[in-house]
Protein backbone atom coordinates (compact mmCIF):
# COMPACT_ATOMS: atom_id res chain seq x y z
CA MET A 1 -20.01 -18.22 6.11
CA ASP A 2 -17.29 -18.02 8.19
CA TYR A 3 -14.72 -19.22 5.46
CA VAL A 4 -15.97 -15.86 3.46
CA SER A 5 -15.21 -13.56 6.61
CA ALA A 6 -11.71 -15.31 6.91
CA LEU A 7 -10.77 -14.90 3.22
CA VAL A 8 -11.96 -11.16 2.56
CA PRO A 9 -9.52 -9.56 4.85
CA PRO A 10 -6.53 -11.38 3.04
CA VAL A 11 -8.37 -10.86 -0.38
CA VAL A 12 -8.81 -6.90 0.38
CA MET A 13 -4.92 -6.61 1.39
CA ALA A 14 -3.61 -8.38 -2.02
CA VAL A 15 -5.96 -6.10 -4.06
CA PHE A 16 -4.72 -3.12 -2.39
CA PHE A 17 -0.90 -4.48 -2.56
CA VAL A 18 -1.10 -5.23 -6.40
CA GLY A 19 -2.59 -1.50 -6.91
CA LEU A 20 0.40 -0.25 -4.76
CA ILE A 21 2.90 -2.05 -6.82
CA VAL A 22 1.25 -1.03 -9.84
CA THR A 23 1.28 2.39 -9.13
CA ILE A 24 4.89 2.38 -8.10
CA VAL A 25 5.89 0.87 -11.19
CA LYS A 26 3.69 3.17 -13.60
CA THR A 27 5.23 5.80 -11.57
CA GLN A 28 8.66 5.26 -12.39
CA GLY A 29 10.44 7.19 -15.24
CA GLY A 30 8.61 9.52 -17.18
CA ALA A 31 8.93 13.21 -17.36
CA ASN A 32 10.05 13.91 -13.68
CA LYS A 33 12.78 10.90 -13.89
CA ALA A 34 15.58 13.43 -14.87
CA LYS A 35 14.65 15.32 -12.01
CA GLU A 36 14.55 12.68 -9.48
CA ASP A 37 18.21 11.52 -11.11
CA ALA A 38 19.72 14.74 -10.83
CA ALA A 39 18.57 15.38 -7.20
CA VAL A 40 20.08 12.02 -6.24
CA ASP A 41 23.22 12.72 -8.10
CA SER A 42 23.64 16.07 -6.45
CA ALA A 43 22.91 14.27 -3.09
CA MET A 44 25.38 11.70 -3.65
CA ALA A 45 28.03 14.34 -4.84
CA ARG A 46 27.44 16.14 -1.52
CA ALA A 47 27.98 13.14 0.48
CA GLU A 48 31.01 12.16 -1.27
CA ALA A 49 32.47 15.82 -1.05
CA VAL A 50 31.83 15.54 2.91
CA ARG A 51 33.27 12.21 3.16
CA GLN A 52 36.40 13.83 1.05
CA ALA A 53 36.60 16.74 3.60
CA ARG A 54 36.93 14.52 6.56
CA ARG A 55 39.33 12.08 4.72
CA ASP A 56 41.74 15.09 4.08
CA THR A 57 41.67 17.11 7.08
């Protein structure tokens, strides 16, 4: 029975890891993709503007 108690934690962790990966993959895209992309694009634009302003001064 020691082998069962030795195998349970890795198996449980593997099941939760697979569930996490499935959840991440399923939530990619969808209805919120455009909002997420727009938020990232605006953050990148602000960072670029700050970098350009620092370079110009």
